[in-house]
C-alpha atoms as a PDB file:
ATOM      1  CA  MET A   1       0.745  20.908  49.168  1.00  0.00           C
ATOM      2  CA  ASN A   2      -1.251  17.715  48.470  1.00  0.00           C
ATOM      3  CA  LEU A   3      -0.411  16.604  44.920  1.00  0.00           C
ATOM      4  CA  TYR A   4      -2.639  13.511  44.969  1.00  0.00           C
ATOM      5  CA  PRO A   5      -5.665  15.071  43.165  1.00  0.00           C
ATOM      6  CA  PHE A   6      -3.356  16.583  40.541  1.00  0.00           C
ATOM      7  CA  ARG A   7      -1.629  13.248  39.924  1.00  0.00           C
ATOM      8  CA  CYS A   8      -4.998  11.468  39.681  1.00  0.00           C
ATOM      9  CA  SER A   9      -6.147  14.058  37.135  1.00  0.00           C
ATOM     10  CA  LEU A  10      -3.037  13.482  35.049  1.00  0.00           C
ATOM     11  CA  ALA A  11      -3.530   9.723  35.218  1.00  0.00           C
ATOM     12  CA  LEU A  12      -7.170  10.086  34.191  1.00  0.00           C
ATOM     13  CA  MET A  13      -6.207  12.335  31.274  1.00  0.00           C
ATOM     14  CA  ALA A  14      -3.619   9.784  30.159  1.00  0.00           C
ATOM     15  CA  MET A  15      -6.226   7.020  30.284  1.00  0.00           C
ATOM     16  CA  VAL A  16      -8.723   9.076  28.296  1.00  0.00           C
ATOM     17  CA  GLY A  17      -6.023   9.934  25.765  1.00  0.00           C
ATOM     18  CA  ALA A  18      -5.186   6.264  25.362  1.00  0.00           C
ATOM     19  CA  VAL A  19      -8.845   5.390  24.768  1.00  0.00           C
ATOM     20  CA  ILE A  20      -9.173   8.187  22.192  1.00  0.00           C
ATOM     21  CA  SER A  21      -5.969   7.027  20.498  1.00  0.00           C
ATOM     22  CA  CYS A  22      -7.246   3.441  20.287  1.00  0.00           C
ATOM     23  CA  SER A  23     -10.573   4.645  18.941  1.00  0.00           C
ATOM     24  CA  LYS A  24      -8.822   6.609  16.229  1.00  0.00           C
ATOM     25  CA  GLN A  25      -6.776   3.577  15.225  1.00  0.00           C
ATOM     26  CA  THR A  26      -9.877   1.478  14.608  1.00  0.00           C
ATOM     27  CA  THR A  27     -11.016   3.895  11.896  1.00  0.00           C
ATOM     28  CA  ASP A  28      -8.147   2.778   9.679  1.00  0.00           C
ATOM     29  CA  PRO A  29      -9.722   0.316   7.195  1.00  0.00           C
ATOM     30  CA  MET A  30      -6.529  -1.722   7.180  1.00  0.00           C
ATOM     31  CA  GLU A  31      -6.622  -2.226  10.958  1.00  0.00           C
ATOM     32  CA  MET A  32     -10.362  -1.966  11.693  1.00  0.00           C
ATOM     33  CA  THR A  33     -11.836  -4.776  13.760  1.00  0.00           C
ATOM     34  CA  SER A  34     -15.427  -5.906  13.904  1.00  0.00           C
ATOM     35  CA  LEU A  35     -17.943  -4.730  16.477  1.00  0.00           C
ATOM     36  CA  PRO A  36     -19.890  -7.262  18.582  1.00  0.00           C
ATOM     37  CA  GLY A  37     -22.395  -9.070  16.384  1.00  0.00           C
ATOM     38  CA  ASP A  38     -20.727  -8.089  13.106  1.00  0.00           C
ATOM     39  CA  THR A  39     -18.956 -11.428  12.558  1.00  0.00           C
ATOM     40  CA  VAL A  40     -21.208 -13.764  10.577  1.00  0.00           C
ATOM     41  CA  LEU A  41     -18.632 -16.547  10.083  1.00  0.00           C
ATOM     42  CA  ASN A  42     -15.555 -17.492  12.093  1.00  0.00           C
ATOM     43  CA  VAL A  43     -13.658 -20.606  11.008  1.00  0.00           C
ATOM     44  CA  ASN A  44     -10.536 -20.808  13.190  1.00  0.00           C
ATOM     45  CA  TYR A  45     -10.223 -24.623  13.361  1.00  0.00           C
ATOM     46  CA  GLU A  46      -9.584 -24.545  17.097  1.00  0.00           C
ATOM     47  CA  SER A  47     -11.993 -27.474  17.444  1.00  0.00           C
ATOM     48  CA  GLY A  48      -9.377 -29.570  15.665  1.00  0.00           C
ATOM     49  CA  THR A  49     -11.971 -30.715  13.106  1.00  0.00           C
ATOM     50  CA  LEU A  50     -12.274 -30.199   9.338  1.00  0.00           C
ATOM     51  CA  SER A  51     -15.536 -28.289   9.782  1.00  0.00           C
ATOM     52  CA  SER A  52     -14.102 -26.153  12.606  1.00  0.00           C
ATOM     53  CA  GLY A  53     -17.186 -27.245  14.528  1.00  0.00           C
ATOM     54  CA  VAL A  54     -19.395 -25.145  12.246  1.00  0.00           C
ATOM     55  CA  THR A  55     -22.369 -27.078  10.861  1.00  0.00           C
ATOM     56  CA  GLY A  56     -22.543 -26.606   7.093  1.00  0.00           C
ATOM     57  CA  ILE A  57     -18.842 -26.101   6.358  1.00  0.00           C
ATOM     58  CA  SER A  58     -17.874 -28.462   3.537  1.00  0.00           C
ATOM     59  CA  SER A  59     -14.235 -29.559   3.589  1.00  0.00           C
ATOM     60  CA  THR A  60     -13.660 -31.325   0.236  1.00  0.00           C
ATOM     61  CA  HIS A  61     -15.357 -33.535  -2.347  1.00  0.00           C
ATOM     62  CA  ALA A  62     -12.129 -35.339  -3.259  1.00  0.00           C
ATOM     63  CA  SER A  63     -11.919 -38.940  -2.049  1.00  0.00           C
ATOM     64  CA  ALA A  64      -8.228 -39.086  -1.083  1.00  0.00           C
ATOM     65  CA  VAL A  65      -7.796 -39.575   2.650  1.00  0.00           C
ATOM     66  CA  ASP A  66      -5.266 -36.740   2.755  1.00  0.00           C
ATOM     67  CA  ALA A  67      -7.098 -34.375   0.398  1.00  0.00           C
ATOM     68  CA  ASN A  68      -7.559 -32.368   3.564  1.00  0.00           C
ATOM     69  CA  TYR A  69      -6.331 -32.820   7.115  1.00  0.00           C
ATOM     70  CA  MET A  70      -5.579 -30.865  10.268  1.00  0.00           C
ATOM     71  CA  VAL A  71      -2.133 -29.385  10.961  1.00  0.00           C
ATOM     72  CA  GLN A  72      -0.465 -27.764  13.965  1.00  0.00           C
ATOM     73  CA  PRO A  73       0.130 -24.983  14.740  1.00  0.00           C
ATOM     74  CA  GLY A  74      -2.234 -22.652  12.925  1.00  0.00           C
ATOM     75  CA  ALA A  75      -1.687 -19.073  11.848  1.00  0.00           C
ATOM     76  CA  LYS A  76      -2.475 -17.818  15.366  1.00  0.00           C
ATOM     77  CA  GLY A  77      -3.927 -20.734  17.305  1.00  0.00           C
ATOM     78  CA  SER A  78      -3.361 -24.455  17.626  1.00  0.00           C
ATOM     79  CA  TYR A  79      -4.847 -25.764  14.364  1.00  0.00           C
ATOM     80  CA  ALA A  80      -5.260 -25.033  10.662  1.00  0.00           C
ATOM     81  CA  ILE A  81      -6.585 -27.022   7.708  1.00  0.00           C
ATOM     82  CA  ALA A  82      -4.439 -28.401   4.890  1.00  0.00           C
ATOM     83  CA  HIS A  83      -5.748 -29.045   1.371  1.00  0.00           C
ATOM     84  CA  LYS A  84      -3.726 -31.255  -0.959  1.00  0.00           C
ATOM     85  CA  VAL A  85      -3.942 -32.086  -4.676  1.00  0.00           C
ATOM     86  CA  VAL A  86      -1.790 -34.546  -6.627  1.00  0.00           C
ATOM     87  CA  TYR A  87      -2.030 -34.089 -10.385  1.00  0.00           C
ATOM     88  CA  GLY A  88      -2.908 -37.324 -12.221  1.00  0.00           C
ATOM     89  CA  ASP A  89      -4.330 -39.099  -9.167  1.00  0.00           C
ATOM     90  CA  THR A  90      -8.100 -39.349  -9.599  1.00  0.00           C
ATOM     91  CA  ALA A  91      -8.582 -39.461  -5.816  1.00  0.00           C
ATOM     92  CA  TYR A  92      -7.844 -35.732  -5.878  1.00  0.00           C
ATOM     93  CA  TYR A  93     -10.230 -35.088  -8.777  1.00  0.00           C
ATOM     94  CA  SER A  94     -13.703 -33.776  -7.957  1.00  0.00           C
ATOM     95  CA  ASP A  95     -16.357 -31.533  -9.458  1.00  0.00           C
ATOM     96  CA  GLY A  96     -14.696 -31.684 -12.858  1.00  0.00           C
ATOM     97  CA  ALA A  97     -11.148 -30.718 -11.875  1.00  0.00           C
ATOM     98  CA  TYR A  98      -8.144 -31.537  -9.754  1.00  0.00           C
ATOM     99  CA  ARG A  99      -9.158 -29.746  -6.589  1.00  0.00           C
ATOM    100  CA  SER A 100      -9.547 -29.916  -2.835  1.00  0.00           C
ATOM    101  CA  GLU A 101     -11.522 -27.014  -1.398  1.00  0.00           C
ATOM    102  CA  SER A 102     -13.665 -26.078   1.575  1.00  0.00           C
ATOM    103  CA  ASP A 103     -16.701 -23.834   1.243  1.00  0.00           C
ATOM    104  CA  ALA A 104     -19.509 -22.152   3.167  1.00  0.00           C
ATOM    105  CA  VAL A 105     -22.243 -22.359   0.538  1.00  0.00           C
ATOM    106  CA  ALA A 106     -24.583 -24.232   2.906  1.00  0.00           C
ATOM    107  CA  LEU A 107     -24.567 -21.404   5.456  1.00  0.00           C
ATOM    108  CA  PRO A 108     -27.149 -18.715   4.564  1.00  0.00           C
ATOM    109  CA  ALA A 109     -25.531 -16.186   6.941  1.00  0.00           C
ATOM    110  CA  ALA A 110     -22.197 -16.584   5.149  1.00  0.00           C
ATOM    111  CA  ARG A 111     -23.599 -16.001   1.651  1.00  0.00           C
ATOM    112  CA  PHE A 112     -23.565 -12.642  -0.092  1.00  0.00           C
ATOM    113  CA  ALA A 113     -26.096 -10.913  -2.337  1.00  0.00           C
ATOM    114  CA  PRO A 114     -26.512  -7.501  -3.968  1.00  0.00           C
ATOM    115  CA  GLY A 115     -26.787  -4.840  -1.281  1.00  0.00           C
ATOM    116  CA  ASP A 116     -24.411  -6.593   1.132  1.00  0.00           C
ATOM    117  CA  GLU A 117     -21.141  -5.025   2.214  1.00  0.00           C
ATOM    118  CA  ARG A 118     -18.706  -7.512   3.707  1.00  0.00           C
ATOM    119  CA  ARG A 119     -15.138  -8.035   4.863  1.00  0.00           C
ATOM    120  CA  TYR A 120     -13.490 -11.403   4.154  1.00  0.00           C
ATOM    121  CA  GLU A 121     -10.409 -12.473   6.086  1.00  0.00           C
ATOM    122  CA  PHE A 122      -8.195 -15.514   5.686  1.00  0.00           C
ATOM    123  CA  SER A 123      -4.631 -16.651   6.262  1.00  0.00           C
ATOM    124  CA  VAL A 124      -2.733 -18.974   3.921  1.00  0.00           C
ATOM    125  CA  LEU A 125       0.571 -20.838   3.979  1.00  0.00           C
ATOM    126  CA  LEU A 126       1.967 -22.380   0.790  1.00  0.00           C
ATOM    127  CA  LYS A 127       3.460 -25.601   2.108  1.00  0.00           C
ATOM    128  CA  ASP A 128       6.735 -26.676   0.410  1.00  0.00           C
ATOM    129  CA  TRP A 129       5.456 -24.974  -2.743  1.00  0.00           C
ATOM    130  CA  THR A 130       7.362 -26.035  -5.874  1.00  0.00           C
ATOM    131  CA  PRO A 131       8.555 -22.879  -7.663  1.00  0.00           C
ATOM    132  CA  TRP A 132       7.549 -22.312 -11.269  1.00  0.00           C
ATOM    133  CA  LEU A 133      10.468 -22.722 -13.687  1.00  0.00           C
ATOM    134  CA  SER A 134       9.147 -22.649 -17.235  1.00  0.00           C
ATOM    135  CA  GLY A 135       6.198 -23.448 -19.461  1.00  0.00           C
ATOM    136  CA  ALA A 136       2.566 -22.450 -19.108  1.00  0.00           C
ATOM    137  CA  ILE A 137       1.314 -20.380 -16.167  1.00  0.00           C
ATOM    138  CA  HIS A 138      -0.976 -23.047 -14.627  1.00  0.00           C
ATOM    139  CA  GLU A 139      -2.694 -20.773 -12.147  1.00  0.00           C
ATOM    140  CA  THR A 140      -3.749 -22.251  -8.810  1.00  0.00           C
ATOM    141  CA  ASN A 141      -6.678 -20.834  -6.843  1.00  0.00           C
ATOM    142  CA  ILE A 142      -6.206 -20.500  -3.093  1.00  0.00           C
ATOM    143  CA  PHE A 143      -9.338 -18.435  -2.316  1.00  0.00           C
ATOM    144  CA  GLN A 144     -12.513 -17.571  -4.235  1.00  0.00           C
ATOM    145  CA  LEU A 145     -15.424 -15.189  -3.876  1.00  0.00           C
ATOM    146  CA  LYS A 146     -17.761 -17.171  -6.079  1.00  0.00           C
ATOM    147  CA  VAL A 147     -21.324 -16.937  -7.417  1.00  0.00           C
ATOM    148  CA  SER A 148     -23.148 -20.231  -7.894  1.00  0.00           C
ATOM    149  CA  GLY A 149     -24.302 -21.337 -11.323  1.00  0.00           C
ATOM    150  CA  ASN A 150     -22.485 -21.350 -14.635  1.00  0.00           C
ATOM    151  CA  SER A 151     -22.199 -19.526 -17.955  1.00  0.00           C
ATOM    152  CA  THR A 152     -25.776 -20.392 -18.929  1.00  0.00           C
ATOM    153  CA  THR A 153     -27.099 -18.484 -15.909  1.00  0.00           C
ATOM    154  CA  GLY A 154     -24.731 -15.577 -16.430  1.00  0.00           C
ATOM    155  CA  SER A 155     -22.866 -16.203 -13.165  1.00  0.00           C
ATOM    156  CA  GLY A 156     -19.159 -15.968 -12.573  1.00  0.00           C
ATOM    157  CA  VAL A 157     -16.418 -15.607  -9.972  1.00  0.00           C
ATOM    158  CA  PRO A 158     -16.149 -12.012  -8.720  1.00  0.00           C
ATOM    159  CA  LEU A 159     -12.632 -12.538  -7.369  1.00  0.00           C
ATOM    160  CA  GLN A 160     -10.006 -15.259  -7.272  1.00  0.00           C
ATOM    161  CA  VAL A 161      -6.734 -15.159  -5.332  1.00  0.00           C
ATOM    162  CA  ARG A 162      -4.262 -17.247  -7.279  1.00  0.00           C
ATOM    163  CA  VAL A 163      -0.649 -18.313  -7.558  1.00  0.00           C
ATOM    164  CA  ALA A 164       0.417 -17.722 -11.170  1.00  0.00           C
ATOM    165  CA  ARG A 165       3.951 -18.752 -11.980  1.00  0.00           C
ATOM    166  CA  ASN A 166       5.715 -17.389  -8.878  1.00  0.00           C
ATOM    167  CA  ALA A 167       3.390 -14.421  -8.401  1.00  0.00           C
ATOM    168  CA  LEU A 168       0.277 -13.865  -6.336  1.00  0.00           C
ATOM    169  CA  ARG A 169      -2.531 -12.759  -8.636  1.00  0.00           C
ATOM    170  CA  LEU A 170      -6.047 -11.351  -8.452  1.00  0.00           C
ATOM    171  CA  ARG A 171      -8.417 -12.343 -11.237  1.00  0.00           C
ATOM    172  CA  TYR A 172     -11.769 -10.551 -11.424  1.00  0.00           C
ATOM    173  CA  ALA A 173     -14.979 -11.803 -13.077  1.00  0.00           C
ATOM    174  CA  ASP A 174     -14.815 -12.102 -16.857  1.00  0.00           C
ATOM    175  CA  ASN A 175     -11.125 -11.139 -16.642  1.00  0.00           C
ATOM    176  CA  ILE A 176     -12.038  -7.467 -16.434  1.00  0.00           C
ATOM    177  CA  ARG A 177      -8.885  -7.114 -14.364  1.00  0.00           C
ATOM    178  CA  VAL A 178      -5.968  -9.496 -13.880  1.00  0.00           C
ATOM    179  CA  TYR A 179      -3.322  -8.137 -11.554  1.00  0.00           C
ATOM    180  CA  ASN A 180      -0.157  -9.569 -10.009  1.00  0.00           C
ATOM    181  CA  PHE A 181      -0.011  -7.880  -6.613  1.00  0.00           C
ATOM    182  CA  LEU A 182       3.072  -9.755  -5.369  1.00  0.00           C
ATOM    183  CA  ALA A 183       5.663 -10.398  -8.066  1.00  0.00           C
ATOM    184  CA  ASP A 184       7.520 -13.173  -6.238  1.00  0.00           C
ATOM    185  CA  VAL A 185       5.972 -15.325  -3.523  1.00  0.00           C
ATOM    186  CA  ARG A 186       9.004 -17.609  -3.134  1.00  0.00           C
ATOM    187  CA  PRO A 187      10.503 -15.744  -0.143  1.00  0.00           C
ATOM    188  CA  TYR A 188       7.249 -16.377   1.755  1.00  0.00           C
ATOM    189  CA  ILE A 189       6.790 -20.097   1.091  1.00  0.00           C
ATOM    190  CA  ASN A 190       6.085 -21.950   4.376  1.00  0.00           C
ATOM    191  CA  GLN A 191       5.121 -18.661   6.065  1.00  0.00           C
ATOM    192  CA  TRP A 192       1.663 -17.346   6.886  1.00  0.00           C
ATOM    193  CA  ILE A 193       0.297 -14.548   4.703  1.00  0.00           C
ATOM    194  CA  HIS A 194      -2.847 -12.740   5.863  1.00  0.00           C
ATOM    195  CA  PHE A 195      -5.550 -11.213   3.679  1.00  0.00           C
ATOM    196  CA  ARG A 196      -8.532  -8.909   4.018  1.00  0.00           C
ATOM    197  CA  ILE A 197     -10.959  -8.276   1.187  1.00  0.00           C
ATOM    198  CA  ASP A 198     -13.667  -5.635   1.506  1.00  0.00           C
ATOM    199  CA  ALA A 199     -16.501  -5.820  -0.997  1.00  0.00           C
ATOM    200  CA  LYS A 200     -19.753  -4.029  -1.709  1.00  0.00           C
ATOM    201  CA  TRP A 201     -21.958  -6.379  -3.717  1.00  0.00           C
ATOM    202  CA  THR A 202     -24.037  -4.624  -6.379  1.00  0.00           C
ATOM    203  CA  LEU A 203     -25.752  -5.170  -9.721  1.00  0.00           C
ATOM    204  CA  ASP A 204     -25.009  -1.612 -10.796  1.00  0.00           C
ATOM    205  CA  ALA A 205     -21.848   0.502 -11.066  1.00  0.00           C
ATOM    206  CA  THR A 206     -21.663   1.375  -7.369  1.00  0.00           C
ATOM    207  CA  GLY A 207     -19.734  -1.614  -6.074  1.00  0.00           C
ATOM    208  CA  TYR A 208     -16.125  -2.055  -5.029  1.00  0.00           C
ATOM    209  CA  ILE A 209     -13.586  -4.704  -4.063  1.00  0.00           C
ATOM    210  CA  ARG A 210     -10.496  -3.738  -2.042  1.00  0.00           C
ATOM    211  CA  THR A 211      -7.790  -6.266  -1.201  1.00  0.00           C
ATOM    212  CA  TYR A 212      -5.285  -5.922   1.637  1.00  0.00           C
ATOM    213  CA  MET A 213      -2.325  -8.161   2.458  1.00  0.00           C
ATOM    214  CA  LYS A 214      -0.067  -8.611   5.452  1.00  0.00           C
ATOM    215  CA  LEU A 215       3.268 -10.260   4.780  1.00  0.00           C
ATOM    216  CA  PRO A 216       5.381 -11.732   7.593  1.00  0.00           C
ATOM    217  CA  GLY A 217       6.858  -8.925   9.652  1.00  0.00           C
ATOM    218  CA  HIS A 218       4.731  -6.241   7.976  1.00  0.00           C
ATOM    219  CA  SER A 219       1.420  -4.463   8.515  1.00  0.00           C
ATOM    220  CA  PHE A 220      -1.685  -4.703   6.361  1.00  0.00           C
ATOM    221  CA  THR A 221      -1.283  -2.828   3.086  1.00  0.00           C
ATOM    222  CA  ILE A 222      -3.815  -2.289   0.335  1.00  0.00           C
ATOM    223  CA  VAL A 223      -2.636  -4.124  -2.773  1.00  0.00           C
ATOM    224  CA  ASP A 224      -5.519  -3.516  -5.181  1.00  0.00           C
ATOM    225  CA  GLU A 225      -8.764  -1.605  -5.482  1.00  0.00           C
ATOM    226  CA  LYS A 226     -11.463  -1.688  -8.122  1.00  0.00           C
ATOM    227  CA  THR A 227     -14.412   0.670  -7.656  1.00  0.00           C
ATOM    228  CA  ASN A 228     -17.595   1.850  -9.345  1.00  0.00           C
ATOM    229  CA  TYR A 229     -18.607  -1.355 -11.109  1.00  0.00           C
ATOM    230  CA  ALA A 230     -21.131  -4.196 -10.791  1.00  0.00           C
ATOM    231  CA  THR A 231     -19.429  -6.688  -8.492  1.00  0.00           C
ATOM    232  CA  PHE A 232     -21.946  -9.496  -7.966  1.00  0.00           C
ATOM    233  CA  ALA A 233     -21.375 -11.368 -11.278  1.00  0.00           C
ATOM    234  CA  GLY A 234     -24.723 -13.134 -11.192  1.00  0.00           C
ATOM    235  CA  ASN A 235     -28.492 -12.796 -10.992  1.00  0.00           C
ATOM    236  CA  PRO A 236     -30.353 -13.574  -7.753  1.00  0.00           C
ATOM    237  CA  ALA A 237     -33.604 -13.824  -9.751  1.00  0.00           C
ATOM    238  CA  VAL A 238     -32.414 -17.131 -11.260  1.00  0.00           C
ATOM    239  CA  GLY A 239     -31.058 -18.446  -7.960  1.00  0.00           C
ATOM    240  CA  ASN A 240     -27.422 -17.325  -8.112  1.00  0.00           C
ATOM    241  CA  ILE A 241     -25.927 -16.962  -4.630  1.00  0.00           C
ATOM    242  CA  GLY A 242     -22.537 -15.718  -3.505  1.00  0.00           C
ATOM    243  CA  TYR A 243     -20.261 -17.766  -1.245  1.00  0.00           C
ATOM    244  CA  ILE A 244     -16.608 -18.340  -0.367  1.00  0.00           C
ATOM    245  CA  LYS A 245     -14.239 -21.215  -1.130  1.00  0.00           C
ATOM    246  CA  TRP A 246     -10.709 -21.863   0.111  1.00  0.00           C
ATOM    247  CA  GLY A 247      -8.185 -24.592  -0.676  1.00  0.00           C
ATOM    248  CA  ILE A 248      -6.456 -25.758  -3.863  1.00  0.00           C
ATOM    249  CA  TYR A 249      -7.976 -25.638  -7.348  1.00  0.00           C
ATOM    250  CA  GLY A 250      -5.951 -25.954 -10.548  1.00  0.00           C
ATOM    251  CA  ILE A 251      -2.535 -27.570 -10.717  1.00  0.00           C
ATOM    252  CA  GLN A 252       0.288 -28.086 -13.194  1.00  0.00           C
ATOM    253  CA  GLU A 253       0.891 -31.558 -14.593  1.00  0.00           C
ATOM    254  CA  GLY A 254       3.290 -33.603 -12.490  1.00  0.00           C
ATOM    255  CA  LEU A 255       3.020 -31.483  -9.344  1.00  0.00           C
ATOM    256  CA  THR A 256       1.657 -31.886  -5.835  1.00  0.00           C
ATOM    257  CA  ARG A 257       0.250 -28.788  -4.188  1.00  0.00           C
ATOM    258  CA  ILE A 258      -0.509 -28.247  -0.470  1.00  0.00           C
ATOM    259  CA  ALA A 259      -1.856 -25.085   1.135  1.00  0.00           C
ATOM    260  CA  TYR A 260      -2.775 -24.424   4.744  1.00  0.00           C
ATOM    261  CA  HIS A 261      -5.702 -22.103   5.556  1.00  0.00           C
ATOM    262  CA  ASP A 262      -6.784 -20.605   8.847  1.00  0.00           C
ATOM    263  CA  ASP A 263      -8.863 -17.836  10.450  1.00  0.00           C
ATOM    264  CA  ILE A 264     -11.491 -17.540   7.731  1.00  0.00           C
ATOM    265  CA  ARG A 265     -13.896 -14.822   8.818  1.00  0.00           C
ATOM    266  CA  ILE A 266     -16.764 -12.866   7.287  1.00  0.00           C
ATOM    267  CA  ILE A 267     -17.611  -9.523   8.870  1.00  0.00           C
ATOM    268  CA  ARG A 268     -20.718  -7.486   8.121  1.00  0.00           C
ATOM    269  CA  LEU A 269     -19.802  -3.901   7.176  1.00  0.00           C
ATOM    270  CA  ASN A 270     -23.359  -2.643   6.615  1.00  0.00           C
END
């Protein structure tokens, strides 16, 4: 008997099953990837430049020559960006604080406004991070979902990812929630940690922010979720716009802080 058609049918069924299995996997929000055209910003630094070859990416306003610089390798590719701040050295002081940050505020496609639903991805490595021993918390921002303006315009920062003491912390606008989602970051110093943040930007109580993390050797896991609240923290009618920042902001007296960032992406979910 000729078994060739039967074997081909089995092979075809196996291929179809594999495709169905892969399709099912992409429905998991922790593993979902973007569809063609959904990515509105991709900063992977593979150009080897501080702007990642993307016109409008601002790297830092600090004047120190090493306030930011390229490093090798990156989280996945050849390059990443380093931001550095030295407390007490005015060359690392800009915009009213000791900071060195990149941002995408000049890119209209990368901004967010009420009605948008977006995924934000980034990878971070805390380079030779000095552990906290005692004293005040001295939180350090490593990523911000920010709304332009200030207290007089009613704007704020919808979400900050921070190092607080030796913990990784989320701080929401107006401190409506402050949550340590990783109690001790010290075992992961000098290793890449990956993040995904899904957000629905609203002015009413229908918004959400969900944060996922992938530690070395692990899969993405949801670490916090806040739903059914106004997420935008600003007013577009007075010119407030939403944008992202990544780098180092806020530092304890006497310390030097360096963080590497890579693979900053914004994906349209609606």
